[in-house]
Amino acid sequence: MAEQQQAAPVFQIQRVYLKEASLEQPNSPAILLEQEQPSVDIQLGIEAAPAADGVFEVCVTATVTTKVKDKTVFLVEAKQAGIFEIRNVPQDQVNPILGIACPQIVYPYLRGNVADLVNRAGFPPVHLAEINFQAMYEQQQIQLQQDGAAAPSPIVTSA
């Protein structure tokens, strides 16, 4: 029994939490009287950073801006984060886990928090679309290769 066994891979969620949230209605109440349908712009971002040995924080950020003409109706910024333990995983698989698996876990919480925040502000909820994080990650990798960049760390993308 002197043989050493390789430790089993570990991927665990330690915690999912709302790291940051803000809502602004800079042109209220006048803008609320407008009858025109507002335009909606949604920006998403992903970032990952080590928090401790084998522990990473992954954040998914959404910025939702609604405007009527050139005036902002409301602006919501929210950052949903998760702490993940990733150990005994081949190094070439860590970035895909951080860029695909972790955001897939965190994103539904972000969607719910953004919809709730907008609804509590008195507007119909904004439902963020489902995201294919694998396609987003692969697109980022292609872009990094074209740019001649080194291996990504931390991961930063937007859609």
N, C-alpha and C. Protein backbone atom coordinates (compact mmCIF):
# COMPACT_ATOMS: atom_id res chain seq x y z
N MET A 1 0.81 -1.19 0.00
CA MET A 1 0.00 0.00 0.00
C MET A 1 0.85 1.25 0.00
N ALA A 2 2.09 1.16 -0.40
CA ALA A 2 2.99 2.31 -0.42
C ALA A 2 2.72 3.20 -1.63
N GLU A 3 1.86 2.75 -2.55
CA GLU A 3 1.56 3.55 -3.74
C GLU A 3 0.82 4.82 -3.33
N GLN A 4 1.24 5.91 -3.94
CA GLN A 4 0.55 7.17 -3.67
C GLN A 4 -0.56 7.35 -4.69
N GLN A 5 -1.74 7.63 -4.21
CA GLN A 5 -2.85 7.88 -5.09
C GLN A 5 -2.94 9.37 -5.35
N GLN A 6 -3.26 9.69 -6.59
CA GLN A 6 -3.44 11.10 -6.92
C GLN A 6 -4.75 11.58 -6.29
N ALA A 7 -4.71 12.75 -5.70
CA ALA A 7 -5.89 13.29 -5.04
C ALA A 7 -7.00 13.52 -6.06
N ALA A 8 -8.21 13.28 -5.63
CA ALA A 8 -9.37 13.46 -6.51
C ALA A 8 -9.59 14.94 -6.79
N PRO A 9 -10.05 15.26 -8.01
CA PRO A 9 -10.36 16.65 -8.33
C PRO A 9 -11.47 17.18 -7.42
N VAL A 10 -11.35 18.46 -7.06
CA VAL A 10 -12.35 19.10 -6.20
C VAL A 10 -12.87 20.34 -6.93
N PHE A 11 -14.20 20.44 -7.02
CA PHE A 11 -14.86 21.64 -7.51
C PHE A 11 -16.08 21.85 -6.64
N GLN A 12 -16.01 22.86 -5.76
CA GLN A 12 -17.10 23.10 -4.83
C GLN A 12 -17.44 24.58 -4.78
N ILE A 13 -18.72 24.84 -4.61
CA ILE A 13 -19.18 26.21 -4.39
C ILE A 13 -19.07 26.47 -2.89
N GLN A 14 -18.32 27.50 -2.53
CA GLN A 14 -18.23 27.87 -1.12
C GLN A 14 -19.34 28.84 -0.74
N ARG A 15 -19.62 29.79 -1.67
CA ARG A 15 -20.64 30.81 -1.38
C ARG A 15 -20.98 31.55 -2.66
N VAL A 16 -22.24 31.96 -2.78
CA VAL A 16 -22.68 32.85 -3.86
C VAL A 16 -23.29 34.06 -3.17
N TYR A 17 -22.90 35.27 -3.59
CA TYR A 17 -23.37 36.47 -2.91
C TYR A 17 -23.44 37.65 -3.86
N LEU A 18 -24.30 38.61 -3.51
CA LEU A 18 -24.42 39.86 -4.24
C LEU A 18 -23.32 40.78 -3.72
N LYS A 19 -22.33 41.03 -4.56
CA LYS A 19 -21.17 41.81 -4.12
C LYS A 19 -21.44 43.31 -4.21
N GLU A 20 -22.21 43.71 -5.21
CA GLU A 20 -22.42 45.13 -5.44
C GLU A 20 -23.73 45.31 -6.20
N ALA A 21 -24.47 46.37 -5.87
CA ALA A 21 -25.69 46.68 -6.63
C ALA A 21 -25.99 48.16 -6.48
N SER A 22 -26.36 48.79 -7.59
CA SER A 22 -26.77 50.19 -7.53
C SER A 22 -27.86 50.44 -8.56
N LEU A 23 -28.72 51.40 -8.24
CA LEU A 23 -29.79 51.80 -9.13
C LEU A 23 -29.86 53.32 -9.10
N GLU A 24 -29.90 53.91 -10.28
CA GLU A 24 -30.02 55.36 -10.38
C GLU A 24 -31.19 55.69 -11.28
N GLN A 25 -31.94 56.72 -10.89
CA GLN A 25 -33.02 57.28 -11.71
C GLN A 25 -32.77 58.79 -11.79
N PRO A 26 -31.76 59.21 -12.54
CA PRO A 26 -31.34 60.61 -12.50
C PRO A 26 -32.35 61.62 -13.03
N ASN A 27 -33.28 61.19 -13.85
CA ASN A 27 -34.23 62.13 -14.46
C ASN A 27 -35.65 61.96 -13.96
N SER A 28 -35.81 61.28 -12.82
CA SER A 28 -37.15 61.13 -12.24
C SER A 28 -37.50 62.41 -11.50
N PRO A 29 -38.73 62.79 -11.44
CA PRO A 29 -39.92 62.10 -11.92
C PRO A 29 -40.29 62.44 -13.36
N ALA A 30 -39.71 63.51 -13.95
CA ALA A 30 -40.14 63.98 -15.27
C ALA A 30 -40.07 62.87 -16.33
N ILE A 31 -39.01 62.09 -16.33
CA ILE A 31 -38.83 61.05 -17.35
C ILE A 31 -39.92 59.99 -17.25
N LEU A 32 -40.49 59.81 -16.07
CA LEU A 32 -41.53 58.79 -15.87
C LEU A 32 -42.83 59.15 -16.56
N LEU A 33 -42.98 60.40 -16.94
CA LEU A 33 -44.19 60.86 -17.63
C LEU A 33 -44.10 60.67 -19.14
N GLU A 34 -42.90 60.34 -19.63
CA GLU A 34 -42.70 60.11 -21.07
C GLU A 34 -43.50 58.89 -21.51
N GLN A 35 -44.10 58.99 -22.67
CA GLN A 35 -44.89 57.88 -23.21
C GLN A 35 -44.08 57.00 -24.16
N GLU A 36 -42.94 57.49 -24.58
CA GLU A 36 -42.11 56.76 -25.54
C GLU A 36 -41.50 55.52 -24.90
N GLN A 37 -41.37 54.47 -25.70
CA GLN A 37 -40.76 53.23 -25.23
C GLN A 37 -39.26 53.44 -25.06
N PRO A 38 -38.69 53.10 -23.90
CA PRO A 38 -37.25 53.31 -23.70
C PRO A 38 -36.41 52.25 -24.43
N SER A 39 -35.19 52.65 -24.77
CA SER A 39 -34.23 51.68 -25.31
C SER A 39 -33.49 51.06 -24.13
N VAL A 40 -33.09 49.81 -24.29
CA VAL A 40 -32.41 49.10 -23.21
C VAL A 40 -31.07 48.60 -23.73
N ASP A 41 -30.00 48.91 -22.99
CA ASP A 41 -28.65 48.44 -23.33
C ASP A 41 -28.15 47.61 -22.16
N ILE A 42 -27.68 46.40 -22.44
CA ILE A 42 -27.20 45.50 -21.39
C ILE A 42 -25.76 45.11 -21.70
N GLN A 43 -24.88 45.34 -20.74
CA GLN A 43 -23.48 44.95 -20.86
C GLN A 43 -23.18 43.91 -19.77
N LEU A 44 -22.47 42.85 -20.15
CA LEU A 44 -22.08 41.82 -19.19
C LEU A 44 -20.58 41.70 -19.14
N GLY A 45 -20.07 41.36 -17.98
CA GLY A 45 -18.64 41.13 -17.82
C GLY A 45 -18.41 39.99 -16.86
N ILE A 46 -17.27 39.32 -17.03
CA ILE A 46 -16.88 38.22 -16.14
C ILE A 46 -15.45 38.48 -15.71
N GLU A 47 -15.20 38.29 -14.43
CA GLU A 47 -13.82 38.38 -13.96
C GLU A 47 -13.60 37.28 -12.92
N ALA A 48 -12.39 36.81 -12.88
CA ALA A 48 -12.03 35.77 -11.92
C ALA A 48 -10.67 36.11 -11.33
N ALA A 49 -10.53 35.86 -10.03
CA ALA A 49 -9.27 36.14 -9.36
C ALA A 49 -9.08 35.14 -8.22
N PRO A 50 -7.83 34.76 -7.97
CA PRO A 50 -7.59 33.87 -6.83
C PRO A 50 -7.90 34.59 -5.52
N ALA A 51 -8.54 33.87 -4.60
CA ALA A 51 -8.85 34.43 -3.27
C ALA A 51 -7.93 33.83 -2.21
N ALA A 52 -7.52 32.59 -2.44
CA ALA A 52 -6.61 31.86 -1.55
C ALA A 52 -6.08 30.69 -2.36
N ASP A 53 -5.25 29.86 -1.76
CA ASP A 53 -4.72 28.71 -2.47
C ASP A 53 -5.85 27.76 -2.85
N GLY A 54 -6.09 27.58 -4.16
CA GLY A 54 -7.14 26.68 -4.63
C GLY A 54 -8.54 27.23 -4.50
N VAL A 55 -8.66 28.52 -4.17
CA VAL A 55 -9.97 29.15 -3.99
C VAL A 55 -10.01 30.40 -4.87
N PHE A 56 -11.11 30.54 -5.63
CA PHE A 56 -11.24 31.64 -6.58
C PHE A 56 -12.55 32.37 -6.37
N GLU A 57 -12.52 33.68 -6.63
CA GLU A 57 -13.74 34.46 -6.67
C GLU A 57 -14.04 34.73 -8.14
N VAL A 58 -15.26 34.42 -8.56
CA VAL A 58 -15.71 34.68 -9.92
C VAL A 58 -16.89 35.65 -9.82
N CYS A 59 -16.80 36.75 -10.56
CA CYS A 59 -17.85 37.77 -10.55
C CYS A 59 -18.44 37.91 -11.94
N VAL A 60 -19.76 38.00 -12.00
CA VAL A 60 -20.46 38.31 -13.24
C VAL A 60 -21.15 39.66 -12.99
N THR A 61 -20.88 40.62 -13.88
CA THR A 61 -21.39 41.97 -13.73
C THR A 61 -22.36 42.28 -14.86
N ALA A 62 -23.46 42.94 -14.51
CA ALA A 62 -24.41 43.41 -15.51
C ALA A 62 -24.62 44.90 -15.32
N THR A 63 -24.62 45.62 -16.42
CA THR A 63 -24.97 47.04 -16.43
C THR A 63 -26.14 47.19 -17.38
N VAL A 64 -27.27 47.64 -16.85
CA VAL A 64 -28.48 47.80 -17.63
C VAL A 64 -28.81 49.29 -17.67
N THR A 65 -28.81 49.86 -18.88
CA THR A 65 -29.12 51.27 -19.05
C THR A 65 -30.36 51.39 -19.92
N THR A 66 -31.36 52.11 -19.43
CA THR A 66 -32.55 52.37 -20.24
C THR A 66 -32.64 53.87 -20.46
N LYS A 67 -32.95 54.24 -21.69
CA LYS A 67 -33.02 55.65 -22.06
C LYS A 67 -34.26 55.93 -22.90
N VAL A 68 -34.77 57.14 -22.77
CA VAL A 68 -35.76 57.69 -23.69
C VAL A 68 -35.06 58.86 -24.34
N LYS A 69 -34.90 58.78 -25.66
CA LYS A 69 -34.09 59.73 -26.41
C LYS A 69 -32.69 59.72 -25.82
N ASP A 70 -32.20 60.84 -25.31
CA ASP A 70 -30.84 60.85 -24.75
C ASP A 70 -30.84 60.93 -23.23
N LYS A 71 -32.01 60.76 -22.61
CA LYS A 71 -32.11 60.86 -21.15
C LYS A 71 -32.25 59.47 -20.52
N THR A 72 -31.50 59.24 -19.46
CA THR A 72 -31.53 57.97 -18.76
C THR A 72 -32.80 57.85 -17.93
N VAL A 73 -33.52 56.74 -18.13
CA VAL A 73 -34.68 56.42 -17.29
C VAL A 73 -34.16 55.79 -16.00
N PHE A 74 -33.39 54.71 -16.16
CA PHE A 74 -32.71 54.14 -14.99
C PHE A 74 -31.45 53.41 -15.44
N LEU A 75 -30.54 53.29 -14.49
CA LEU A 75 -29.27 52.60 -14.69
C LEU A 75 -29.09 51.65 -13.52
N VAL A 76 -28.91 50.38 -13.83
CA VAL A 76 -28.68 49.37 -12.80
C VAL A 76 -27.32 48.74 -13.05
N GLU A 77 -26.52 48.67 -12.01
CA GLU A 77 -25.25 47.95 -12.06
C GLU A 77 -25.27 46.94 -10.93
N ALA A 78 -25.00 45.69 -11.26
CA ALA A 78 -24.99 44.64 -10.24
C ALA A 78 -23.83 43.69 -10.50
N LYS A 79 -23.20 43.27 -9.42
CA LYS A 79 -22.09 42.32 -9.51
C LYS A 79 -22.40 41.16 -8.57
N GLN A 80 -22.61 40.00 -9.16
CA GLN A 80 -22.89 38.78 -8.41
C GLN A 80 -21.59 37.99 -8.38
N ALA A 81 -21.24 37.48 -7.21
CA ALA A 81 -19.97 36.77 -7.08
C ALA A 81 -20.17 35.39 -6.47
N GLY A 82 -19.20 34.56 -6.71
CA GLY A 82 -19.18 33.24 -6.11
C GLY A 82 -17.76 32.90 -5.71
N ILE A 83 -17.64 32.16 -4.62
CA ILE A 83 -16.33 31.66 -4.19
C ILE A 83 -16.34 30.16 -4.47
N PHE A 84 -15.33 29.73 -5.21
CA PHE A 84 -15.26 28.34 -5.66
C PHE A 84 -13.93 27.73 -5.26
N GLU A 85 -13.99 26.52 -4.76
CA GLU A 85 -12.78 25.76 -4.47
C GLU A 85 -12.49 24.87 -5.66
N ILE A 86 -11.30 25.02 -6.22
CA ILE A 86 -10.89 24.22 -7.38
C ILE A 86 -9.50 23.66 -7.07
N ARG A 87 -9.43 22.37 -6.84
CA ARG A 87 -8.15 21.73 -6.48
C ARG A 87 -7.95 20.45 -7.29
N ASN A 88 -6.70 20.11 -7.47
CA ASN A 88 -6.32 18.85 -8.13
C ASN A 88 -6.92 18.73 -9.53
N VAL A 89 -7.02 19.86 -10.21
CA VAL A 89 -7.53 19.90 -11.57
C VAL A 89 -6.36 20.29 -12.47
N PRO A 90 -6.18 19.64 -13.61
CA PRO A 90 -5.08 20.02 -14.50
C PRO A 90 -5.15 21.52 -14.83
N GLN A 91 -3.99 22.15 -14.84
CA GLN A 91 -3.91 23.60 -15.01
C GLN A 91 -4.63 24.08 -16.27
N ASP A 92 -4.56 23.29 -17.35
CA ASP A 92 -5.22 23.72 -18.59
C ASP A 92 -6.74 23.68 -18.51
N GLN A 93 -7.29 23.11 -17.44
CA GLN A 93 -8.75 23.06 -17.27
C GLN A 93 -9.26 24.12 -16.30
N VAL A 94 -8.37 24.79 -15.58
CA VAL A 94 -8.80 25.77 -14.58
C VAL A 94 -9.49 26.97 -15.23
N ASN A 95 -8.87 27.56 -16.27
CA ASN A 95 -9.48 28.73 -16.90
C ASN A 95 -10.85 28.42 -17.51
N PRO A 96 -11.03 27.29 -18.22
CA PRO A 96 -12.38 26.98 -18.69
C PRO A 96 -13.40 26.83 -17.55
N ILE A 97 -12.99 26.27 -16.43
CA ILE A 97 -13.90 26.16 -15.28
C ILE A 97 -14.27 27.56 -14.79
N LEU A 98 -13.25 28.44 -14.67
CA LEU A 98 -13.50 29.80 -14.20
C LEU A 98 -14.31 30.62 -15.20
N GLY A 99 -14.13 30.35 -16.49
CA GLY A 99 -14.80 31.15 -17.52
C GLY A 99 -16.12 30.60 -18.00
N ILE A 100 -16.41 29.32 -17.68
CA ILE A 100 -17.66 28.71 -18.17
C ILE A 100 -18.50 28.18 -17.01
N ALA A 101 -17.98 27.23 -16.26
CA ALA A 101 -18.78 26.56 -15.22
C ALA A 101 -19.18 27.52 -14.10
N CYS A 102 -18.23 28.30 -13.61
CA CYS A 102 -18.53 29.20 -12.48
C CYS A 102 -19.54 30.28 -12.87
N PRO A 103 -19.37 30.98 -14.01
CA PRO A 103 -20.38 31.97 -14.37
C PRO A 103 -21.77 31.36 -14.59
N GLN A 104 -21.84 30.12 -15.09
CA GLN A 104 -23.13 29.47 -15.27
C GLN A 104 -23.84 29.28 -13.93
N ILE A 105 -23.08 29.09 -12.88
CA ILE A 105 -23.66 28.92 -11.55
C ILE A 105 -24.09 30.27 -10.97
N VAL A 106 -23.28 31.29 -11.15
CA VAL A 106 -23.52 32.61 -10.55
C VAL A 106 -24.60 33.40 -11.30
N TYR A 107 -24.64 33.27 -12.62
CA TYR A 107 -25.50 34.12 -13.46
C TYR A 107 -26.99 34.09 -13.10
N PRO A 108 -27.60 32.93 -12.81
CA PRO A 108 -29.03 32.95 -12.46
C PRO A 108 -29.34 33.84 -11.25
N TYR A 109 -28.43 33.89 -10.29
CA TYR A 109 -28.61 34.76 -9.13
C TYR A 109 -28.57 36.23 -9.56
N LEU A 110 -27.65 36.55 -10.47
CA LEU A 110 -27.56 37.91 -10.99
C LEU A 110 -28.84 38.29 -11.72
N ARG A 111 -29.33 37.40 -12.56
CA ARG A 111 -30.58 37.67 -13.30
C ARG A 111 -31.72 37.99 -12.34
N GLY A 112 -31.86 37.19 -11.29
CA GLY A 112 -32.93 37.40 -10.32
C GLY A 112 -32.77 38.71 -9.57
N ASN A 113 -31.55 39.04 -9.18
CA ASN A 113 -31.31 40.28 -8.44
C ASN A 113 -31.56 41.51 -9.30
N VAL A 114 -31.15 41.47 -10.56
CA VAL A 114 -31.39 42.61 -11.46
C VAL A 114 -32.89 42.80 -11.67
N ALA A 115 -33.61 41.71 -11.95
CA ALA A 115 -35.06 41.81 -12.16
C ALA A 115 -35.75 42.35 -10.91
N ASP A 116 -35.33 41.90 -9.75
CA ASP A 116 -35.93 42.34 -8.49
C ASP A 116 -35.64 43.82 -8.23
N LEU A 117 -34.41 44.23 -8.45
CA LEU A 117 -34.03 45.63 -8.23
C LEU A 117 -34.82 46.57 -9.14
N VAL A 118 -34.94 46.21 -10.40
CA VAL A 118 -35.68 47.03 -11.36
C VAL A 118 -37.15 47.08 -10.97
N ASN A 119 -37.70 45.94 -10.58
CA ASN A 119 -39.11 45.87 -10.17
C ASN A 119 -39.35 46.72 -8.92
N ARG A 120 -38.45 46.66 -7.97
CA ARG A 120 -38.60 47.45 -6.73
C ARG A 120 -38.49 48.95 -7.00
N ALA A 121 -37.86 49.31 -8.11
CA ALA A 121 -37.74 50.72 -8.49
C ALA A 121 -39.02 51.22 -9.17
N GLY A 122 -39.97 50.31 -9.39
CA GLY A 122 -41.24 50.72 -9.97
C GLY A 122 -41.36 50.50 -11.46
N PHE A 123 -40.46 49.71 -12.01
CA PHE A 123 -40.48 49.43 -13.45
C PHE A 123 -40.79 47.96 -13.68
N PRO A 124 -41.26 47.63 -14.89
CA PRO A 124 -41.39 46.20 -15.20
C PRO A 124 -40.00 45.56 -15.14
N PRO A 125 -39.89 44.35 -14.60
CA PRO A 125 -38.56 43.75 -14.47
C PRO A 125 -37.86 43.57 -15.80
N VAL A 126 -36.56 43.76 -15.79
CA VAL A 126 -35.71 43.47 -16.95
C VAL A 126 -35.19 42.06 -16.76
N HIS A 127 -35.51 41.19 -17.70
CA HIS A 127 -35.04 39.81 -17.61
C HIS A 127 -33.83 39.64 -18.52
N LEU A 128 -32.68 39.43 -17.92
CA LEU A 128 -31.47 39.21 -18.69
C LEU A 128 -31.60 37.89 -19.45
N ALA A 129 -31.16 37.89 -20.68
CA ALA A 129 -31.25 36.70 -21.52
C ALA A 129 -30.32 35.60 -21.01
N GLU A 130 -30.65 34.38 -21.36
CA GLU A 130 -29.75 33.26 -21.07
C GLU A 130 -28.45 33.49 -21.84
N ILE A 131 -27.35 33.10 -21.27
CA ILE A 131 -26.04 33.30 -21.89
C ILE A 131 -25.36 31.94 -22.09
N ASN A 132 -24.76 31.76 -23.25
CA ASN A 132 -23.95 30.58 -23.51
C ASN A 132 -22.51 30.94 -23.14
N PHE A 133 -22.14 30.64 -21.90
CA PHE A 133 -20.82 31.03 -21.41
C PHE A 133 -19.70 30.28 -22.12
N GLN A 134 -19.98 29.08 -22.62
CA GLN A 134 -18.95 28.34 -23.36
C GLN A 134 -18.63 29.08 -24.65
N ALA A 135 -19.66 29.51 -25.38
CA ALA A 135 -19.42 30.25 -26.63
C ALA A 135 -18.71 31.56 -26.34
N MET A 136 -19.11 32.25 -25.26
CA MET A 136 -18.47 33.51 -24.90
C MET A 136 -16.99 33.29 -24.58
N TYR A 137 -16.70 32.23 -23.82
CA TYR A 137 -15.32 31.91 -23.45
C TYR A 137 -14.49 31.57 -24.69
N GLU A 138 -15.06 30.75 -25.58
CA GLU A 138 -14.33 30.36 -26.79
C GLU A 138 -14.06 31.56 -27.68
N GLN A 139 -15.02 32.47 -27.77
CA GLN A 139 -14.83 33.69 -28.55
C GLN A 139 -13.70 34.54 -27.94
N GLN A 140 -13.67 34.61 -26.62
CA GLN A 140 -12.61 35.36 -25.94
C GLN A 140 -11.24 34.72 -26.23
N GLN A 141 -11.18 33.40 -26.22
CA GLN A 141 -9.91 32.71 -26.48
C GLN A 141 -9.41 32.98 -27.89
N ILE A 142 -10.33 32.98 -28.86
CA ILE A 142 -9.96 33.29 -30.25
C ILE A 142 -9.44 34.71 -30.35
N GLN A 143 -10.14 35.64 -29.67
CA GLN A 143 -9.71 37.04 -29.69
C GLN A 143 -8.32 37.19 -29.07
N LEU A 144 -8.08 36.49 -27.97
CA LEU A 144 -6.77 36.57 -27.32
C LEU A 144 -5.67 36.02 -28.23
N GLN A 145 -5.97 34.93 -28.95
CA GLN A 145 -4.98 34.37 -29.87
C GLN A 145 -4.69 35.34 -31.00
N GLN A 146 -5.74 35.99 -31.52
CA GLN A 146 -5.55 36.96 -32.60
C GLN A 146 -4.75 38.17 -32.13
N ASP A 147 -4.96 38.53 -30.87
CA ASP A 147 -4.23 39.68 -30.31
C ASP A 147 -2.83 39.29 -29.87
N GLY A 148 -2.54 37.99 -29.88
CA GLY A 148 -1.21 37.52 -29.47
C GLY A 148 -1.01 37.59 -27.97
N ALA A 149 -2.09 37.56 -27.22
CA ALA A 149 -2.01 37.69 -25.76
C ALA A 149 -1.61 36.36 -25.13
N ALA A 150 -1.11 36.47 -23.92
CA ALA A 150 -0.76 35.29 -23.15
C ALA A 150 -2.02 34.67 -22.56
N ALA A 151 -1.86 33.61 -21.81
CA ALA A 151 -3.00 32.95 -21.17
C ALA A 151 -3.75 33.93 -20.29
N PRO A 152 -5.07 33.93 -20.39
CA PRO A 152 -5.85 34.93 -19.66
C PRO A 152 -5.92 34.65 -18.16
N SER A 153 -5.65 35.67 -17.39
CA SER A 153 -5.83 35.60 -15.96
C SER A 153 -5.69 36.99 -15.39
N PRO A 154 -6.72 37.62 -14.94
CA PRO A 154 -8.07 37.11 -14.82
C PRO A 154 -8.83 37.20 -16.13
N ILE A 155 -9.96 36.51 -16.14
CA ILE A 155 -10.82 36.49 -17.32
C ILE A 155 -11.68 37.75 -17.31
N VAL A 156 -11.71 38.46 -18.41
CA VAL A 156 -12.58 39.62 -18.54
C VAL A 156 -13.22 39.57 -19.91
N THR A 157 -14.54 39.50 -19.95
CA THR A 157 -15.24 39.48 -21.22
C THR A 157 -16.45 40.38 -21.13
N SER A 158 -17.02 40.70 -22.26
CA SER A 158 -18.29 41.43 -22.27
C SER A 158 -19.10 40.98 -23.46
N ALA A 159 -20.39 41.10 -23.32
CA ALA A 159 -21.28 40.70 -24.43
C ALA A 159 -22.24 41.82 -24.71
